[in-house]
Amino acid sequence: MDIKKLATEMDSIVAKGGIVDAVKQFFAQEATTSDYNNITTNNKTQMVEKMEGFANAIKKVNNITLHHTIVDGNVSASEFTFDFDMTDNSSIYWHEIIRRVWNQEGKVIQEEYFNA
């Protein structure tokens, strides 16, 4: 299993706006997540629900920029900037680091978000 290839493929899907698709394709069933707002998920189903809710709240994707992806062993870190107009007329502009731990089957088992 080539973590660099998997991380690059996942990041490519995210960069095209396929955030929900990336979770569905690359997350293990037991995957957990946490973010800088102390929001956690305890499995893939919860994360899909969270991302579907978020994606449905986006009115317009202005830009998603993937800056870098690095891999060390079974851990990857990806730096993104997200720029969205939301359905509630707010705007989101995030510069974020996404850290992922991958299992031996090539699935994400832990994902953490850091506000860069």
PDB file of N, CA and C in Angstrom:
ATOM      1  N   MET A   1       0.837  -1.174   0.000  1.00  0.00           N
ATOM      2  CA  MET A   1       0.000   0.000   0.000  1.00  0.00           C
ATOM      3  C   MET A   1       0.886   1.242   0.000  1.00  0.00           C
ATOM      4  N   ASP A   2       0.570   2.174  -0.863  1.00  0.00           N
ATOM      5  CA  ASP A   2       1.353   3.393  -1.039  1.00  0.00           C
ATOM      6  C   ASP A   2       0.561   4.573  -0.453  1.00  0.00           C
ATOM      7  N   ILE A   3       0.893   4.939   0.789  1.00  0.00           N
ATOM      8  CA  ILE A   3       0.173   6.011   1.486  1.00  0.00           C
ATOM      9  C   ILE A   3       0.264   7.328   0.715  1.00  0.00           C
ATOM     10  N   LYS A   4       1.415   7.628   0.152  1.00  0.00           N
ATOM     11  CA  LYS A   4       1.581   8.869  -0.616  1.00  0.00           C
ATOM     12  C   LYS A   4       0.586   8.908  -1.774  1.00  0.00           C
ATOM     13  N   LYS A   5       0.454   7.799  -2.488  1.00  0.00           N
ATOM     14  CA  LYS A   5      -0.490   7.732  -3.605  1.00  0.00           C
ATOM     15  C   LYS A   5      -1.931   7.880  -3.120  1.00  0.00           C
ATOM     16  N   LEU A   6      -2.277   7.186  -2.034  1.00  0.00           N
ATOM     17  CA  LEU A   6      -3.636   7.263  -1.493  1.00  0.00           C
ATOM     18  C   LEU A   6      -3.960   8.677  -0.995  1.00  0.00           C
ATOM     19  N   ALA A   7      -3.022   9.286  -0.258  1.00  0.00           N
ATOM     20  CA  ALA A   7      -3.236  10.639   0.257  1.00  0.00           C
ATOM     21  C   ALA A   7      -3.382  11.635  -0.888  1.00  0.00           C
ATOM     22  N   THR A   8      -2.563  11.483  -1.914  1.00  0.00           N
ATOM     23  CA  THR A   8      -2.638  12.375  -3.076  1.00  0.00           C
ATOM     24  C   THR A   8      -3.973  12.216  -3.791  1.00  0.00           C
ATOM     25  N   GLU A   9      -4.437  10.979  -3.922  1.00  0.00           N
ATOM     26  CA  GLU A   9      -5.727  10.727  -4.569  1.00  0.00           C
ATOM     27  C   GLU A   9      -6.871  11.313  -3.746  1.00  0.00           C
ATOM     28  N   MET A  10      -6.835  11.099  -2.438  1.00  0.00           N
ATOM     29  CA  MET A  10      -7.880  11.650  -1.568  1.00  0.00           C
ATOM     30  C   MET A  10      -7.885  13.170  -1.622  1.00  0.00           C
ATOM     31  N   ASP A  11      -6.696  13.778  -1.533  1.00  0.00           N
ATOM     32  CA  ASP A  11      -6.599  15.233  -1.575  1.00  0.00           C
ATOM     33  C   ASP A  11      -7.100  15.803  -2.905  1.00  0.00           C
ATOM     34  N   SER A  12      -6.870  15.086  -3.977  1.00  0.00           N
ATOM     35  CA  SER A  12      -7.349  15.523  -5.286  1.00  0.00           C
ATOM     36  C   SER A  12      -8.875  15.571  -5.320  1.00  0.00           C
ATOM     37  N   ILE A  13      -9.516  14.582  -4.716  1.00  0.00           N
ATOM     38  CA  ILE A  13     -10.980  14.557  -4.649  1.00  0.00           C
ATOM     39  C   ILE A  13     -11.487  15.718  -3.805  1.00  0.00           C
ATOM     40  N   VAL A  14     -10.857  15.952  -2.659  1.00  0.00           N
ATOM     41  CA  VAL A  14     -11.245  17.072  -1.783  1.00  0.00           C
ATOM     42  C   VAL A  14     -11.065  18.400  -2.518  1.00  0.00           C
ATOM     43  N   ALA A  15      -9.943  18.557  -3.217  1.00  0.00           N
ATOM     44  CA  ALA A  15      -9.653  19.815  -3.919  1.00  0.00           C
ATOM     45  C   ALA A  15     -10.676  20.113  -5.015  1.00  0.00           C
ATOM     46  N   LYS A  16     -11.334  19.087  -5.515  1.00  0.00           N
ATOM     47  CA  LYS A  16     -12.381  19.271  -6.524  1.00  0.00           C
ATOM     48  C   LYS A  16     -13.753  19.461  -5.896  1.00  0.00           C
ATOM     49  N   GLY A  17     -13.808  19.511  -4.558  1.00  0.00           N
ATOM     50  CA  GLY A  17     -15.071  19.728  -3.860  1.00  0.00           C
ATOM     51  C   GLY A  17     -15.779  18.458  -3.442  1.00  0.00           C
ATOM     52  N   GLY A  18     -15.178  17.300  -3.669  1.00  0.00           N
ATOM     53  CA  GLY A  18     -15.802  16.019  -3.330  1.00  0.00           C
ATOM     54  C   GLY A  18     -15.505  15.573  -1.917  1.00  0.00           C
ATOM     55  N   ILE A  19     -15.793  16.427  -0.956  1.00  0.00           N
ATOM     56  CA  ILE A  19     -15.448  16.151   0.441  1.00  0.00           C
ATOM     57  C   ILE A  19     -16.165  14.903   0.947  1.00  0.00           C
ATOM     58  N   VAL A  20     -17.448  14.789   0.677  1.00  0.00           N
ATOM     59  CA  VAL A  20     -18.225  13.617   1.114  1.00  0.00           C
ATOM     60  C   VAL A  20     -17.716  12.361   0.406  1.00  0.00           C
ATOM     61  N   ASP A  21     -17.469  12.458  -0.891  1.00  0.00           N
ATOM     62  CA  ASP A  21     -16.973  11.311  -1.655  1.00  0.00           C
ATOM     63  C   ASP A  21     -15.640  10.816  -1.114  1.00  0.00           C
ATOM     64  N   ALA A  22     -14.769  11.745  -0.718  1.00  0.00           N
ATOM     65  CA  ALA A  22     -13.470  11.359  -0.175  1.00  0.00           C
ATOM     66  C   ALA A  22     -13.633  10.557   1.113  1.00  0.00           C
ATOM     67  N   VAL A  23     -14.536  10.991   1.978  1.00  0.00           N
ATOM     68  CA  VAL A  23     -14.790  10.252   3.224  1.00  0.00           C
ATOM     69  C   VAL A  23     -15.339   8.864   2.907  1.00  0.00           C
ATOM     70  N   LYS A  24     -16.324   8.807   2.025  1.00  0.00           N
ATOM     71  CA  LYS A  24     -16.931   7.510   1.684  1.00  0.00           C
ATOM     72  C   LYS A  24     -15.901   6.545   1.103  1.00  0.00           C
ATOM     73  N   GLN A  25     -14.991   7.036   0.299  1.00  0.00           N
ATOM     74  CA  GLN A  25     -14.028   6.175  -0.373  1.00  0.00           C
ATOM     75  C   GLN A  25     -12.848   5.780   0.504  1.00  0.00           C
ATOM     76  N   PHE A  26     -12.368   6.685   1.344  1.00  0.00           N
ATOM     77  CA  PHE A  26     -11.087   6.454   2.005  1.00  0.00           C
ATOM     78  C   PHE A  26     -11.161   6.183   3.506  1.00  0.00           C
ATOM     79  N   PHE A  27     -12.293   6.371   4.138  1.00  0.00           N
ATOM     80  CA  PHE A  27     -12.381   6.160   5.581  1.00  0.00           C
ATOM     81  C   PHE A  27     -12.689   4.709   5.918  1.00  0.00           C
ATOM     82  N   ALA A  28     -12.018   4.202   6.949  1.00  0.00           N
ATOM     83  CA  ALA A  28     -12.356   2.902   7.528  1.00  0.00           C
ATOM     84  C   ALA A  28     -13.641   3.078   8.352  1.00  0.00           C
ATOM     85  N   GLN A  29     -14.364   1.987   8.554  1.00  0.00           N
ATOM     86  CA  GLN A  29     -15.616   2.052   9.321  1.00  0.00           C
ATOM     87  C   GLN A  29     -15.397   2.595  10.729  1.00  0.00           C
ATOM     88  N   GLU A  30     -14.255   2.282  11.334  1.00  0.00           N
ATOM     89  CA  GLU A  30     -13.984   2.683  12.718  1.00  0.00           C
ATOM     90  C   GLU A  30     -13.237   4.015  12.830  1.00  0.00           C
ATOM     91  N   ALA A  31     -13.149   4.761  11.747  1.00  0.00           N
ATOM     92  CA  ALA A  31     -12.396   6.024  11.736  1.00  0.00           C
ATOM     93  C   ALA A  31     -12.965   7.030  12.734  1.00  0.00           C
ATOM     94  N   THR A  32     -12.060   7.757  13.378  1.00  0.00           N
ATOM     95  CA  THR A  32     -12.456   8.830  14.293  1.00  0.00           C
ATOM     96  C   THR A  32     -11.900  10.153  13.764  1.00  0.00           C
ATOM     97  N   THR A  33     -12.567  11.246  14.122  1.00  0.00           N
ATOM     98  CA  THR A  33     -12.099  12.574  13.730  1.00  0.00           C
ATOM     99  C   THR A  33     -12.220  13.532  14.903  1.00  0.00           C
ATOM    100  N   SER A  34     -11.410  14.586  14.847  1.00  0.00           N
ATOM    101  CA  SER A  34     -11.531  15.678  15.812  1.00  0.00           C
ATOM    102  C   SER A  34     -11.043  16.947  15.135  1.00  0.00           C
ATOM    103  N   ASP A  35     -11.627  18.069  15.563  1.00  0.00           N
ATOM    104  CA  ASP A  35     -11.211  19.337  14.970  1.00  0.00           C
ATOM    105  C   ASP A  35     -10.912  20.353  16.060  1.00  0.00           C
ATOM    106  N   TYR A  36     -10.485  21.522  15.636  1.00  0.00           N
ATOM    107  CA  TYR A  36     -10.063  22.566  16.561  1.00  0.00           C
ATOM    108  C   TYR A  36     -11.221  23.207  17.310  1.00  0.00           C
ATOM    109  N   ASN A  37     -12.469  22.837  16.966  1.00  0.00           N
ATOM    110  CA  ASN A  37     -13.648  23.285  17.720  1.00  0.00           C
ATOM    111  C   ASN A  37     -14.132  22.207  18.682  1.00  0.00           C
ATOM    112  N   ASN A  38     -13.311  21.176  18.894  1.00  0.00           N
ATOM    113  CA  ASN A  38     -13.628  20.052  19.782  1.00  0.00           C
ATOM    114  C   ASN A  38     -14.845  19.255  19.331  1.00  0.00           C
ATOM    115  N   ILE A  39     -15.094  19.228  18.029  1.00  0.00           N
ATOM    116  CA  ILE A  39     -16.158  18.398  17.467  1.00  0.00           C
ATOM    117  C   ILE A  39     -15.519  17.097  17.018  1.00  0.00           C
ATOM    118  N   THR A  40     -16.098  15.977  17.462  1.00  0.00           N
ATOM    119  CA  THR A  40     -15.534  14.675  17.138  1.00  0.00           C
ATOM    120  C   THR A  40     -16.578  13.794  16.451  1.00  0.00           C
ATOM    121  N   THR A  41     -16.086  12.825  15.700  1.00  0.00           N
ATOM    122  CA  THR A  41     -16.928  11.739  15.207  1.00  0.00           C
ATOM    123  C   THR A  41     -16.246  10.440  15.618  1.00  0.00           C
ATOM    124  N   ASN A  42     -17.061   9.390  15.781  1.00  0.00           N
ATOM    125  CA  ASN A  42     -16.535   8.134  16.297  1.00  0.00           C
ATOM    126  C   ASN A  42     -16.552   6.988  15.294  1.00  0.00           C
ATOM    127  N   ASN A  43     -17.049   7.260  14.074  1.00  0.00           N
ATOM    128  CA  ASN A  43     -17.047   6.228  13.038  1.00  0.00           C
ATOM    129  C   ASN A  43     -17.328   6.884  11.684  1.00  0.00           C
ATOM    130  N   LYS A  44     -17.190   6.096  10.647  1.00  0.00           N
ATOM    131  CA  LYS A  44     -17.365   6.592   9.276  1.00  0.00           C
ATOM    132  C   LYS A  44     -18.774   7.145   9.052  1.00  0.00           C
ATOM    133  N   THR A  45     -19.780   6.465   9.560  1.00  0.00           N
ATOM    134  CA  THR A  45     -21.167   6.901   9.371  1.00  0.00           C
ATOM    135  C   THR A  45     -21.369   8.305   9.929  1.00  0.00           C
ATOM    136  N   GLN A  46     -20.864   8.559  11.128  1.00  0.00           N
ATOM    137  CA  GLN A  46     -20.992   9.896  11.726  1.00  0.00           C
ATOM    138  C   GLN A  46     -20.260  10.940  10.889  1.00  0.00           C
ATOM    139  N   MET A  47     -19.087  10.589  10.376  1.00  0.00           N
ATOM    140  CA  MET A  47     -18.324  11.548   9.575  1.00  0.00           C
ATOM    141  C   MET A  47     -19.029  11.840   8.259  1.00  0.00           C
ATOM    142  N   VAL A  48     -19.592  10.827   7.619  1.00  0.00           N
ATOM    143  CA  VAL A  48     -20.346  11.055   6.380  1.00  0.00           C
ATOM    144  C   VAL A  48     -21.516  11.995   6.657  1.00  0.00           C
ATOM    145  N   GLU A  49     -22.250  11.756   7.737  1.00  0.00           N
ATOM    146  CA  GLU A  49     -23.376  12.627   8.102  1.00  0.00           C
ATOM    147  C   GLU A  49     -22.909  14.058   8.348  1.00  0.00           C
ATOM    148  N   LYS A  50     -21.803  14.211   9.055  1.00  0.00           N
ATOM    149  CA  LYS A  50     -21.252  15.540   9.339  1.00  0.00           C
ATOM    150  C   LYS A  50     -20.882  16.246   8.039  1.00  0.00           C
ATOM    151  N   MET A  51     -20.185  15.557   7.153  1.00  0.00           N
ATOM    152  CA  MET A  51     -19.737  16.168   5.898  1.00  0.00           C
ATOM    153  C   MET A  51     -20.900  16.434   4.940  1.00  0.00           C
ATOM    154  N   GLU A  52     -21.918  15.576   4.948  1.00  0.00           N
ATOM    155  CA  GLU A  52     -23.097  15.841   4.124  1.00  0.00           C
ATOM    156  C   GLU A  52     -23.809  17.102   4.603  1.00  0.00           C
ATOM    157  N   GLY A  53     -23.932  17.260   5.917  1.00  0.00           N
ATOM    158  CA  GLY A  53     -24.541  18.466   6.461  1.00  0.00           C
ATOM    159  C   GLY A  53     -23.760  19.706   6.097  1.00  0.00           C
ATOM    160  N   PHE A  54     -22.431  19.616   6.190  1.00  0.00           N
ATOM    161  CA  PHE A  54     -21.581  20.743   5.834  1.00  0.00           C
ATOM    162  C   PHE A  54     -21.695  21.058   4.347  1.00  0.00           C
ATOM    163  N   ALA A  55     -21.590  20.029   3.512  1.00  0.00           N
ATOM    164  CA  ALA A  55     -21.655  20.229   2.058  1.00  0.00           C
ATOM    165  C   ALA A  55     -22.991  20.829   1.641  1.00  0.00           C
ATOM    166  N   ASN A  56     -24.064  20.420   2.288  1.00  0.00           N
ATOM    167  CA  ASN A  56     -25.389  20.956   1.959  1.00  0.00           C
ATOM    168  C   ASN A  56     -25.551  22.410   2.381  1.00  0.00           C
ATOM    169  N   ALA A  57     -24.694  22.873   3.282  1.00  0.00           N
ATOM    170  CA  ALA A  57     -24.749  24.266   3.737  1.00  0.00           C
ATOM    171  C   ALA A  57     -23.904  25.200   2.868  1.00  0.00           C
ATOM    172  N   ILE A  58     -23.191  24.637   1.884  1.00  0.00           N
ATOM    173  CA  ILE A  58     -22.375  25.454   0.989  1.00  0.00           C
ATOM    174  C   ILE A  58     -23.224  25.919  -0.189  1.00  0.00           C
ATOM    175  N   LYS A  59     -23.290  27.227  -0.355  1.00  0.00           N
ATOM    176  CA  LYS A  59     -24.001  27.788  -1.499  1.00  0.00           C
ATOM    177  C   LYS A  59     -23.082  27.853  -2.719  1.00  0.00           C
ATOM    178  N   LYS A  60     -21.826  28.254  -2.486  1.00  0.00           N
ATOM    179  CA  LYS A  60     -20.887  28.404  -3.591  1.00  0.00           C
ATOM    180  C   LYS A  60     -19.475  28.088  -3.111  1.00  0.00           C
ATOM    181  N   VAL A  61     -18.776  27.272  -3.891  1.00  0.00           N
ATOM    182  CA  VAL A  61     -17.365  27.016  -3.643  1.00  0.00           C
ATOM    183  C   VAL A  61     -16.588  28.064  -4.438  1.00  0.00           C
ATOM    184  N   ASN A  62     -15.966  28.989  -3.745  1.00  0.00           N
ATOM    185  CA  ASN A  62     -15.156  30.007  -4.413  1.00  0.00           C
ATOM    186  C   ASN A  62     -13.796  29.451  -4.808  1.00  0.00           C
ATOM    187  N   ASN A  63     -13.211  28.669  -3.887  1.00  0.00           N
ATOM    188  CA  ASN A  63     -11.892  28.116  -4.179  1.00  0.00           C
ATOM    189  C   ASN A  63     -11.527  27.080  -3.123  1.00  0.00           C
ATOM    190  N   ILE A  64     -10.879  26.022  -3.576  1.00  0.00           N
ATOM    191  CA  ILE A  64     -10.234  25.060  -2.686  1.00  0.00           C
ATOM    192  C   ILE A  64      -8.823  24.885  -3.229  1.00  0.00           C
ATOM    193  N   THR A  65      -7.846  25.211  -2.395  1.00  0.00           N
ATOM    194  CA  THR A  65      -6.453  25.123  -2.821  1.00  0.00           C
ATOM    195  C   THR A  65      -5.731  24.095  -1.958  1.00  0.00           C
ATOM    196  N   LEU A  66      -5.140  23.116  -2.604  1.00  0.00           N
ATOM    197  CA  LEU A  66      -4.258  22.171  -1.928  1.00  0.00           C
ATOM    198  C   LEU A  66      -2.849  22.721  -2.060  1.00  0.00           C
ATOM    199  N   HIS A  67      -2.228  23.036  -0.931  1.00  0.00           N
ATOM    200  CA  HIS A  67      -0.887  23.610  -0.946  1.00  0.00           C
ATOM    201  C   HIS A  67       0.198  22.533  -0.925  1.00  0.00           C
ATOM    202  N   HIS A  68       0.068  21.572  -0.007  1.00  0.00           N
ATOM    203  CA  HIS A  68       1.097  20.548   0.166  1.00  0.00           C
ATOM    204  C   HIS A  68       0.481  19.287   0.754  1.00  0.00           C
ATOM    205  N   THR A  69       1.083  18.169   0.457  1.00  0.00           N
ATOM    206  CA  THR A  69       0.795  16.901   1.126  1.00  0.00           C
ATOM    207  C   THR A  69       2.130  16.270   1.473  1.00  0.00           C
ATOM    208  N   ILE A  70       2.291  15.886   2.730  1.00  0.00           N
ATOM    209  CA  ILE A  70       3.502  15.187   3.141  1.00  0.00           C
ATOM    210  C   ILE A  70       3.100  13.863   3.790  1.00  0.00           C
ATOM    211  N   VAL A  71       3.984  12.896   3.696  1.00  0.00           N
ATOM    212  CA  VAL A  71       3.716  11.576   4.256  1.00  0.00           C
ATOM    213  C   VAL A  71       4.955  11.110   5.011  1.00  0.00           C
ATOM    214  N   ASP A  72       4.717  10.561   6.195  1.00  0.00           N
ATOM    215  CA  ASP A  72       5.783   9.948   6.985  1.00  0.00           C
ATOM    216  C   ASP A  72       5.214   8.651   7.550  1.00  0.00           C
ATOM    217  N   GLY A  73       5.659   7.532   7.003  1.00  0.00           N
ATOM    218  CA  GLY A  73       5.129   6.239   7.435  1.00  0.00           C
ATOM    219  C   GLY A  73       3.664   6.125   7.069  1.00  0.00           C
ATOM    220  N   ASN A  74       2.816   5.885   8.081  1.00  0.00           N
ATOM    221  CA  ASN A  74       1.379   5.757   7.835  1.00  0.00           C
ATOM    222  C   ASN A  74       0.604   7.026   8.211  1.00  0.00           C
ATOM    223  N   VAL A  75       1.302   8.154   8.284  1.00  0.00           N
ATOM    224  CA  VAL A  75       0.678   9.432   8.618  1.00  0.00           C
ATOM    225  C   VAL A  75       0.878  10.408   7.461  1.00  0.00           C
ATOM    226  N   SER A  76      -0.213  11.078   7.091  1.00  0.00           N
ATOM    227  CA  SER A  76      -0.113  12.124   6.072  1.00  0.00           C
ATOM    228  C   SER A  76      -0.619  13.430   6.662  1.00  0.00           C
ATOM    229  N   ALA A  77      -0.142  14.527   6.106  1.00  0.00           N
ATOM    230  CA  ALA A  77      -0.606  15.859   6.487  1.00  0.00           C
ATOM    231  C   ALA A  77      -0.797  16.656   5.205  1.00  0.00           C
ATOM    232  N   SER A  78      -1.960  17.275   5.096  1.00  0.00           N
ATOM    233  CA  SER A  78      -2.302  18.033   3.896  1.00  0.00           C
ATOM    234  C   SER A  78      -2.707  19.435   4.290  1.00  0.00           C
ATOM    235  N   GLU A  79      -2.182  20.414   3.574  1.00  0.00           N
ATOM    236  CA  GLU A  79      -2.479  21.812   3.839  1.00  0.00           C
ATOM    237  C   GLU A  79      -3.419  22.324   2.747  1.00  0.00           C
ATOM    238  N   PHE A  80      -4.567  22.831   3.174  1.00  0.00           N
ATOM    239  CA  PHE A  80      -5.587  23.347   2.271  1.00  0.00           C
ATOM    240  C   PHE A  80      -5.996  24.761   2.666  1.00  0.00           C
ATOM    241  N   THR A  81      -6.502  25.509   1.699  1.00  0.00           N
ATOM    242  CA  THR A  81      -7.275  26.715   1.957  1.00  0.00           C
ATOM    243  C   THR A  81      -8.641  26.498   1.334  1.00  0.00           C
ATOM    244  N   PHE A  82      -9.689  26.699   2.133  1.00  0.00           N
ATOM    245  CA  PHE A  82     -11.075  26.548   1.692  1.00  0.00           C
ATOM    246  C   PHE A  82     -11.753  27.911   1.730  1.00  0.00           C
ATOM    247  N   ASP A  83     -12.457  28.253   0.659  1.00  0.00           N
ATOM    248  CA  ASP A  83     -13.167  29.529   0.555  1.00  0.00           C
ATOM    249  C   ASP A  83     -14.576  29.238   0.045  1.00  0.00           C
ATOM    250  N   PHE A  84     -15.575  29.359   0.939  1.00  0.00           N
ATOM    251  CA  PHE A  84     -16.959  29.031   0.618  1.00  0.00           C
ATOM    252  C   PHE A  84     -17.895  30.179   0.960  1.00  0.00           C
ATOM    253  N   ASP A  85     -18.941  30.341   0.161  1.00  0.00           N
ATOM    254  CA  ASP A  85     -20.114  31.133   0.534  1.00  0.00           C
ATOM    255  C   ASP A  85     -21.161  30.137   1.003  1.00  0.00           C
ATOM    256  N   MET A  86     -21.760  30.412   2.156  1.00  0.00           N
ATOM    257  CA  MET A  86     -22.678  29.467   2.766  1.00  0.00           C
ATOM    258  C   MET A  86     -24.134  29.877   2.511  1.00  0.00           C
ATOM    259  N   THR A  87     -25.044  28.923   2.679  1.00  0.00           N
ATOM    260  CA  THR A  87     -26.461  29.182   2.424  1.00  0.00           C
ATOM    261  C   THR A  87     -27.054  30.187   3.414  1.00  0.00           C
ATOM    262  N   ASP A  88     -26.412  30.363   4.575  1.00  0.00           N
ATOM    263  CA  ASP A  88     -26.900  31.355   5.545  1.00  0.00           C
ATOM    264  C   ASP A  88     -26.304  32.744   5.277  1.00  0.00           C
ATOM    265  N   ASN A  89     -25.694  32.915   4.098  1.00  0.00           N
ATOM    266  CA  ASN A  89     -25.067  34.163   3.646  1.00  0.00           C
ATOM    267  C   ASN A  89     -23.784  34.524   4.379  1.00  0.00           C
ATOM    268  N   SER A  90     -23.247  33.593   5.156  1.00  0.00           N
ATOM    269  CA  SER A  90     -21.930  33.809   5.755  1.00  0.00           C
ATOM    270  C   SER A  90     -20.867  33.318   4.766  1.00  0.00           C
ATOM    271  N   SER A  91     -19.637  33.633   5.081  1.00  0.00           N
ATOM    272  CA  SER A  91     -18.509  33.161   4.279  1.00  0.00           C
ATOM    273  C   SER A  91     -17.557  32.399   5.181  1.00  0.00           C
ATOM    274  N   ILE A  92     -16.957  31.372   4.617  1.00  0.00           N
ATOM    275  CA  ILE A  92     -15.947  30.598   5.339  1.00  0.00           C
ATOM    276  C   ILE A  92     -14.650  30.686   4.557  1.00  0.00           C
ATOM    277  N   TYR A  93     -13.588  31.040   5.264  1.00  0.00           N
ATOM    278  CA  TYR A  93     -12.252  31.041   4.679  1.00  0.00           C
ATOM    279  C   TYR A  93     -11.343  30.357   5.683  1.00  0.00           C
ATOM    280  N   TRP A  94     -10.978  29.118   5.396  1.00  0.00           N
ATOM    281  CA  TRP A  94     -10.154  28.325   6.306  1.00  0.00           C
ATOM    282  C   TRP A  94      -8.825  28.006   5.677  1.00  0.00           C
ATOM    283  N   HIS A  95      -7.776  28.185   6.444  1.00  0.00           N
ATOM    284  CA  HIS A  95      -6.461  27.666   6.090  1.00  0.00           C
ATOM    285  C   HIS A  95      -6.237  26.548   7.094  1.00  0.00           C
ATOM    286  N   GLU A  96      -6.180  25.324   6.614  1.00  0.00           N
ATOM    287  CA  GLU A  96      -6.300  24.169   7.487  1.00  0.00           C
ATOM    288  C   GLU A  96      -5.244  23.111   7.163  1.00  0.00           C
ATOM    289  N   ILE A  97      -4.770  22.456   8.216  1.00  0.00           N
ATOM    290  CA  ILE A  97      -3.916  21.279   8.079  1.00  0.00           C
ATOM    291  C   ILE A  97      -4.769  20.074   8.473  1.00  0.00           C
ATOM    292  N   ILE A  98      -4.787  19.064   7.620  1.00  0.00           N
ATOM    293  CA  ILE A  98      -5.528  17.839   7.897  1.00  0.00           C
ATOM    294  C   ILE A  98      -4.505  16.719   8.084  1.00  0.00           C
ATOM    295  N   ARG A  99      -4.472  16.171   9.283  1.00  0.00           N
ATOM    296  CA  ARG A  99      -3.558  15.072   9.612  1.00  0.00           C
ATOM    297  C   ARG A  99      -4.343  13.774   9.606  1.00  0.00           C
ATOM    298  N   ARG A 100      -3.838  12.781   8.870  1.00  0.00           N
ATOM    299  CA  ARG A 100      -4.527  11.493   8.771  1.00  0.00           C
ATOM    300  C   ARG A 100      -3.586  10.353   9.161  1.00  0.00           C
ATOM    301  N   VAL A 101      -4.137   9.383   9.879  1.00  0.00           N
ATOM    302  CA  VAL A 101      -3.441   8.128  10.159  1.00  0.00           C
ATOM    303  C   VAL A 101      -4.147   7.058   9.332  1.00  0.00           C
ATOM    304  N   TRP A 102      -3.347   6.269   8.604  1.00  0.00           N
ATOM    305  CA  TRP A 102      -3.854   5.252   7.691  1.00  0.00           C
ATOM    306  C   TRP A 102      -3.589   3.859   8.248  1.00  0.00           C
ATOM    307  N   ASN A 103      -4.522   2.923   8.007  1.00  0.00           N
ATOM    308  CA  ASN A 103      -4.296   1.540   8.437  1.00  0.00           C
ATOM    309  C   ASN A 103      -3.615   0.735   7.328  1.00  0.00           C
ATOM    310  N   GLN A 104      -3.363  -0.520   7.589  1.00  0.00           N
ATOM    311  CA  GLN A 104      -2.652  -1.365   6.631  1.00  0.00           C
ATOM    312  C   GLN A 104      -3.472  -1.680   5.380  1.00  0.00           C
ATOM    313  N   GLU A 105      -4.771  -1.466   5.440  1.00  0.00           N
ATOM    314  CA  GLU A 105      -5.633  -1.688   4.275  1.00  0.00           C
ATOM    315  C   GLU A 105      -5.751  -0.440   3.403  1.00  0.00           C
ATOM    316  N   GLY A 106      -5.070   0.635   3.792  1.00  0.00           N
ATOM    317  CA  GLY A 106      -5.111   1.864   3.006  1.00  0.00           C
ATOM    318  C   GLY A 106      -6.327   2.722   3.272  1.00  0.00           C
ATOM    319  N   LYS A 107      -6.863   2.642   4.489  1.00  0.00           N
ATOM    320  CA  LYS A 107      -8.026   3.448   4.886  1.00  0.00           C
ATOM    321  C   LYS A 107      -7.633   4.370   6.035  1.00  0.00           C
ATOM    322  N   VAL A 108      -8.268   5.529   6.080  1.00  0.00           N
ATOM    323  CA  VAL A 108      -8.034   6.493   7.160  1.00  0.00           C
ATOM    324  C   VAL A 108      -8.709   5.978   8.425  1.00  0.00           C
ATOM    325  N   ILE A 109      -7.939   5.905   9.522  1.00  0.00           N
ATOM    326  CA  ILE A 109      -8.508   5.479  10.800  1.00  0.00           C
ATOM    327  C   ILE A 109      -8.597   6.628  11.799  1.00  0.00           C
ATOM    328  N   GLN A 110      -7.874   7.713  11.510  1.00  0.00           N
ATOM    329  CA  GLN A 110      -7.965   8.906  12.356  1.00  0.00           C
ATOM    330  C   GLN A 110      -7.679  10.127  11.508  1.00  0.00           C
ATOM    331  N   GLU A 111      -8.496  11.156  11.697  1.00  0.00           N
ATOM    332  CA  GLU A 111      -8.276  12.412  10.990  1.00  0.00           C
ATOM    333  C   GLU A 111      -8.447  13.550  11.992  1.00  0.00           C
ATOM    334  N   GLU A 112      -7.500  14.482  11.969  1.00  0.00           N
ATOM    335  CA  GLU A 112      -7.546  15.643  12.845  1.00  0.00           C
ATOM    336  C   GLU A 112      -7.368  16.897  11.990  1.00  0.00           C
ATOM    337  N   TYR A 113      -8.078  17.953  12.375  1.00  0.00           N
ATOM    338  CA  TYR A 113      -8.021  19.218  11.645  1.00  0.00           C
ATOM    339  C   TYR A 113      -7.378  20.273  12.529  1.00  0.00           C
ATOM    340  N   PHE A 114      -6.453  21.018  11.948  1.00  0.00           N
ATOM    341  CA  PHE A 114      -5.767  22.078  12.662  1.00  0.00           C
ATOM    342  C   PHE A 114      -5.940  23.373  11.874  1.00  0.00           C
ATOM    343  N   ASN A 115      -6.333  24.434  12.563  1.00  0.00           N
ATOM    344  CA  ASN A 115      -6.492  25.743  11.949  1.00  0.00           C
ATOM    345  C   ASN A 115      -5.102  26.347  11.777  1.00  0.00           C
ATOM    346  N   ALA A 116      -4.698  26.518  10.524  1.00  0.00           N
ATOM    347  CA  ALA A 116      -3.325  26.979  10.265  1.00  0.00           C
ATOM    348  C   ALA A 116      -3.193  28.478  10.354  1.00  0.00           C
TER     349      ALA A 116
END
